[in-house]
Every structure is written in structure tokens, then in C-alpha cells.
N, C-alpha and C. Protein backbone atom coordinates (compact mmCIF):
# COMPACT_ATOMS: atom_id res chain seq x y z
N UNK A 1 7.38 0.01 -22.83
CA UNK A 1 6.05 0.48 -22.50
C UNK A 1 6.16 1.65 -21.54
N UNK A 2 5.40 2.71 -21.81
CA UNK A 2 5.44 3.90 -20.95
C UNK A 2 4.55 3.72 -19.73
N UNK A 3 4.79 4.55 -18.71
CA UNK A 3 4.07 4.44 -17.44
C UNK A 3 2.56 4.48 -17.64
N UNK A 4 2.07 5.43 -18.43
CA UNK A 4 0.63 5.53 -18.66
C UNK A 4 0.06 4.27 -19.29
N UNK A 5 0.81 3.67 -20.21
CA UNK A 5 0.36 2.43 -20.86
C UNK A 5 0.31 1.28 -19.86
N UNK A 6 1.30 1.23 -18.98
CA UNK A 6 1.33 0.17 -17.96
C UNK A 6 0.17 0.35 -16.99
N UNK A 7 -0.09 1.60 -16.58
CA UNK A 7 -1.22 1.85 -15.68
C UNK A 7 -2.53 1.38 -16.31
N UNK A 8 -2.72 1.70 -17.58
CA UNK A 8 -3.95 1.29 -18.28
C UNK A 8 -4.02 -0.23 -18.42
N UNK A 9 -2.89 -0.87 -18.69
CA UNK A 9 -2.86 -2.33 -18.78
C UNK A 9 -3.24 -2.97 -17.45
N UNK A 10 -2.69 -2.46 -16.36
CA UNK A 10 -3.01 -2.99 -15.03
C UNK A 10 -4.51 -2.83 -14.76
N UNK A 11 -5.05 -1.64 -15.03
CA UNK A 11 -6.49 -1.41 -14.84
C UNK A 11 -7.32 -2.39 -15.65
N UNK A 12 -6.96 -2.56 -16.92
CA UNK A 12 -7.72 -3.44 -17.81
C UNK A 12 -7.67 -4.90 -17.33
N UNK A 13 -6.48 -5.37 -16.98
CA UNK A 13 -6.35 -6.76 -16.53
C UNK A 13 -7.21 -7.03 -15.30
N UNK A 14 -7.22 -6.08 -14.37
CA UNK A 14 -7.99 -6.26 -13.14
C UNK A 14 -9.48 -6.14 -13.41
N UNK A 15 -9.89 -5.11 -14.16
CA UNK A 15 -11.32 -4.90 -14.38
C UNK A 15 -11.93 -5.91 -15.33
N UNK A 16 -11.11 -6.56 -16.14
CA UNK A 16 -11.62 -7.66 -16.98
C UNK A 16 -11.96 -8.88 -16.13
N UNK A 17 -11.38 -8.95 -14.94
CA UNK A 17 -11.56 -10.10 -14.05
C UNK A 17 -12.53 -9.81 -12.91
N UNK A 18 -12.47 -8.60 -12.37
CA UNK A 18 -13.27 -8.24 -11.19
C UNK A 18 -14.23 -7.10 -11.51
N UNK A 19 -15.43 -7.15 -10.95
CA UNK A 19 -16.37 -6.04 -11.08
C UNK A 19 -16.09 -5.05 -9.97
N UNK A 20 -15.43 -3.96 -10.33
CA UNK A 20 -15.06 -2.95 -9.35
C UNK A 20 -15.87 -1.69 -9.56
N UNK A 21 -16.10 -0.96 -8.48
CA UNK A 21 -16.74 0.35 -8.58
C UNK A 21 -15.72 1.40 -8.99
N UNK A 22 -14.51 1.26 -8.47
CA UNK A 22 -13.41 2.17 -8.81
C UNK A 22 -12.10 1.40 -8.74
N UNK A 23 -11.14 1.88 -9.52
CA UNK A 23 -9.77 1.38 -9.39
C UNK A 23 -8.84 2.55 -9.65
N UNK A 24 -7.82 2.64 -8.82
CA UNK A 24 -6.81 3.69 -8.95
C UNK A 24 -5.44 3.01 -9.00
N UNK A 25 -4.69 3.30 -10.05
CA UNK A 25 -3.37 2.71 -10.24
C UNK A 25 -2.37 3.83 -10.42
N UNK A 26 -1.31 3.80 -9.61
CA UNK A 26 -0.27 4.83 -9.69
C UNK A 26 1.09 4.13 -9.69
N UNK A 27 1.95 4.57 -10.61
CA UNK A 27 3.31 4.05 -10.67
C UNK A 27 4.28 5.11 -10.21
N UNK A 28 5.26 4.66 -9.42
CA UNK A 28 6.35 5.51 -9.00
C UNK A 28 7.61 4.69 -9.23
N UNK A 29 8.26 4.90 -10.36
CA UNK A 29 9.37 4.03 -10.76
C UNK A 29 8.80 2.67 -11.11
N UNK A 30 9.31 1.63 -10.48
CA UNK A 30 8.78 0.28 -10.74
C UNK A 30 7.76 -0.14 -9.68
N UNK A 31 7.47 0.75 -8.74
CA UNK A 31 6.49 0.49 -7.68
C UNK A 31 5.09 0.80 -8.19
N UNK A 32 4.19 -0.14 -8.05
CA UNK A 32 2.80 0.02 -8.47
C UNK A 32 1.91 0.02 -7.24
N UNK A 33 1.08 1.08 -7.09
CA UNK A 33 0.12 1.15 -6.00
C UNK A 33 -1.28 1.05 -6.58
N UNK A 34 -2.06 0.13 -6.03
CA UNK A 34 -3.41 -0.11 -6.53
C UNK A 34 -4.41 0.04 -5.39
N UNK A 35 -5.44 0.84 -5.62
CA UNK A 35 -6.59 0.90 -4.72
C UNK A 35 -7.77 0.34 -5.51
N UNK A 36 -8.36 -0.72 -5.01
CA UNK A 36 -9.50 -1.36 -5.66
C UNK A 36 -10.71 -1.24 -4.74
N UNK A 37 -11.82 -0.76 -5.31
CA UNK A 37 -13.01 -0.49 -4.50
C UNK A 37 -14.19 -1.28 -5.05
N UNK A 38 -14.78 -2.12 -4.19
CA UNK A 38 -15.96 -2.89 -4.56
C UNK A 38 -16.54 -3.56 -3.33
N UNK A 39 -17.86 -3.67 -3.32
CA UNK A 39 -18.50 -4.39 -2.23
C UNK A 39 -18.28 -5.90 -2.34
N UNK A 40 -17.74 -6.37 -3.46
CA UNK A 40 -17.44 -7.81 -3.58
C UNK A 40 -16.38 -8.23 -2.56
N UNK A 41 -15.64 -7.26 -2.01
CA UNK A 41 -14.62 -7.57 -1.01
C UNK A 41 -15.20 -7.82 0.38
N UNK A 42 -16.49 -7.51 0.57
CA UNK A 42 -17.11 -7.63 1.89
C UNK A 42 -16.89 -8.99 2.55
N UNK A 43 -17.06 -10.05 1.79
CA UNK A 43 -17.02 -11.40 2.37
C UNK A 43 -15.65 -12.07 2.28
N UNK A 44 -14.62 -11.30 1.87
CA UNK A 44 -13.29 -11.88 1.70
C UNK A 44 -12.34 -11.40 2.79
N UNK A 45 -11.43 -12.29 3.19
CA UNK A 45 -10.38 -11.90 4.12
C UNK A 45 -9.41 -10.96 3.42
N UNK A 46 -8.55 -10.32 4.17
CA UNK A 46 -7.56 -9.41 3.57
C UNK A 46 -6.68 -10.15 2.56
N UNK A 47 -6.27 -11.36 2.89
CA UNK A 47 -5.42 -12.14 1.99
C UNK A 47 -6.17 -12.48 0.70
N UNK A 48 -7.42 -12.91 0.81
CA UNK A 48 -8.21 -13.25 -0.37
C UNK A 48 -8.47 -12.02 -1.24
N UNK A 49 -8.65 -10.87 -0.61
CA UNK A 49 -8.83 -9.63 -1.37
C UNK A 49 -7.59 -9.35 -2.21
N UNK A 50 -6.42 -9.44 -1.57
CA UNK A 50 -5.16 -9.17 -2.28
C UNK A 50 -4.94 -10.18 -3.40
N UNK A 51 -5.21 -11.44 -3.12
CA UNK A 51 -5.05 -12.47 -4.14
C UNK A 51 -5.95 -12.21 -5.33
N UNK A 52 -7.18 -11.79 -5.08
CA UNK A 52 -8.12 -11.52 -6.17
C UNK A 52 -7.61 -10.42 -7.09
N UNK A 53 -6.99 -9.39 -6.52
CA UNK A 53 -6.48 -8.27 -7.32
C UNK A 53 -5.17 -8.64 -8.01
N UNK A 54 -4.32 -9.40 -7.34
CA UNK A 54 -3.01 -9.73 -7.91
C UNK A 54 -3.06 -10.84 -8.98
N UNK A 55 -4.02 -11.75 -8.88
CA UNK A 55 -4.07 -12.89 -9.79
C UNK A 55 -4.05 -12.48 -11.26
N UNK A 56 -4.85 -11.49 -11.70
CA UNK A 56 -4.81 -11.12 -13.12
C UNK A 56 -3.50 -10.46 -13.55
N UNK A 57 -2.67 -10.09 -12.58
CA UNK A 57 -1.39 -9.43 -12.89
C UNK A 57 -0.21 -10.40 -12.91
N UNK A 58 -0.48 -11.67 -12.69
CA UNK A 58 0.61 -12.65 -12.55
C UNK A 58 1.59 -12.62 -13.71
N UNK A 59 1.10 -12.56 -14.94
CA UNK A 59 2.01 -12.60 -16.10
C UNK A 59 2.89 -11.37 -16.19
N UNK A 60 2.32 -10.18 -15.92
CA UNK A 60 3.17 -8.98 -16.04
C UNK A 60 4.08 -8.78 -14.84
N UNK A 61 3.77 -9.43 -13.73
CA UNK A 61 4.71 -9.46 -12.61
C UNK A 61 5.85 -10.43 -12.95
N UNK A 62 5.47 -11.59 -13.47
CA UNK A 62 6.46 -12.61 -13.82
C UNK A 62 7.43 -12.12 -14.89
N UNK A 63 6.92 -11.39 -15.90
CA UNK A 63 7.81 -10.95 -16.99
C UNK A 63 8.58 -9.67 -16.64
N UNK A 64 8.34 -9.11 -15.43
CA UNK A 64 9.11 -7.95 -14.98
C UNK A 64 8.55 -6.61 -15.40
N UNK A 65 7.38 -6.59 -16.04
CA UNK A 65 6.77 -5.31 -16.42
C UNK A 65 6.53 -4.45 -15.19
N UNK A 66 6.05 -5.10 -14.12
CA UNK A 66 5.95 -4.42 -12.83
C UNK A 66 6.68 -5.27 -11.81
N UNK A 67 7.26 -4.61 -10.82
CA UNK A 67 8.08 -5.31 -9.84
C UNK A 67 7.41 -5.37 -8.48
N UNK A 68 7.30 -4.24 -7.84
CA UNK A 68 6.70 -4.18 -6.52
C UNK A 68 5.27 -3.68 -6.63
N UNK A 69 4.37 -4.36 -5.96
CA UNK A 69 2.96 -4.00 -6.02
C UNK A 69 2.40 -3.87 -4.61
N UNK A 70 1.74 -2.75 -4.36
CA UNK A 70 1.03 -2.53 -3.11
C UNK A 70 -0.45 -2.47 -3.44
N UNK A 71 -1.23 -3.32 -2.79
CA UNK A 71 -2.67 -3.38 -3.05
C UNK A 71 -3.43 -3.00 -1.79
N UNK A 72 -4.36 -2.08 -1.94
CA UNK A 72 -5.31 -1.76 -0.88
C UNK A 72 -6.69 -1.99 -1.45
N UNK A 73 -7.51 -2.71 -0.69
CA UNK A 73 -8.87 -2.98 -1.13
C UNK A 73 -9.85 -2.40 -0.13
N UNK A 74 -10.95 -1.92 -0.66
CA UNK A 74 -11.97 -1.28 0.15
C UNK A 74 -13.35 -1.67 -0.36
N UNK A 75 -14.33 -1.78 0.55
CA UNK A 75 -15.70 -1.77 0.07
C UNK A 75 -16.07 -0.29 -0.06
N UNK A 76 -17.25 0.00 -0.59
CA UNK A 76 -17.58 1.41 -0.86
C UNK A 76 -17.61 2.27 0.41
N UNK A 77 -18.14 1.73 1.50
CA UNK A 77 -18.20 2.49 2.75
C UNK A 77 -16.79 2.75 3.29
N UNK A 78 -15.93 1.74 3.25
CA UNK A 78 -14.55 1.91 3.71
C UNK A 78 -13.82 2.96 2.87
N UNK A 79 -14.06 2.95 1.56
CA UNK A 79 -13.41 3.90 0.65
C UNK A 79 -13.85 5.33 0.98
N UNK A 80 -15.13 5.53 1.25
CA UNK A 80 -15.61 6.87 1.60
C UNK A 80 -14.95 7.36 2.88
N UNK A 81 -14.83 6.47 3.89
CA UNK A 81 -14.16 6.85 5.15
C UNK A 81 -12.68 7.16 4.89
N UNK A 82 -12.00 6.32 4.08
CA UNK A 82 -10.59 6.54 3.80
C UNK A 82 -10.37 7.87 3.11
N UNK A 83 -11.22 8.20 2.14
CA UNK A 83 -11.09 9.48 1.43
C UNK A 83 -11.32 10.64 2.39
N UNK A 84 -12.27 10.50 3.31
CA UNK A 84 -12.58 11.55 4.26
C UNK A 84 -11.40 11.82 5.19
N UNK A 85 -10.78 10.75 5.69
CA UNK A 85 -9.71 10.90 6.67
C UNK A 85 -8.32 11.11 6.04
N UNK A 86 -8.17 10.80 4.77
CA UNK A 86 -6.84 10.89 4.15
C UNK A 86 -6.78 11.92 3.04
N UNK A 87 -7.69 12.87 3.04
CA UNK A 87 -7.62 13.89 1.99
C UNK A 87 -7.21 15.22 2.55
């Protein structure tokens, strides 16, 4: 599977499970970086946010399709601030 196909698979698995406003998936080798944006994260702890994003990826992590995953979650206001300060 090519990198673009894996990125699309990761996006699909997550968005089929969670209602997100935005999702950004980037691969660098076997490292996967995910930014997930939704106000559904408002009431969740950092651990629960990460678990929510990683749960739909369990099978492709287990089978080795992706190895290392970094997840950042934001509500919409946090995402706007992050884009402002990190662009």
C-alpha cells in the first residue's frame, strides 16, 4: 500500500467513527501524525481524546501497516489558536 492510500485509509477509519470538523494525516516513513479537530473533544481528557482517535486504527496498527502514531486533538477554538501561532 502506498503512502497516499494509507493516509486515506487512516482518515476514513477515523471519520467513519468520529464526527470531526477536520482531520490532517501525514506520513513520514512509518511515522503517522494525526491532527483531529472537533468540539466533541471538549468534554474529554487528553487520554480519552487520544483513545477515541486511536481505537479505529487498532487493526492497522496491529498488522503493522502503521507503526508509530502521534495524535494531537483540538476543539475548533484551540485549532484556530494553534494555526495562528504555528504558521
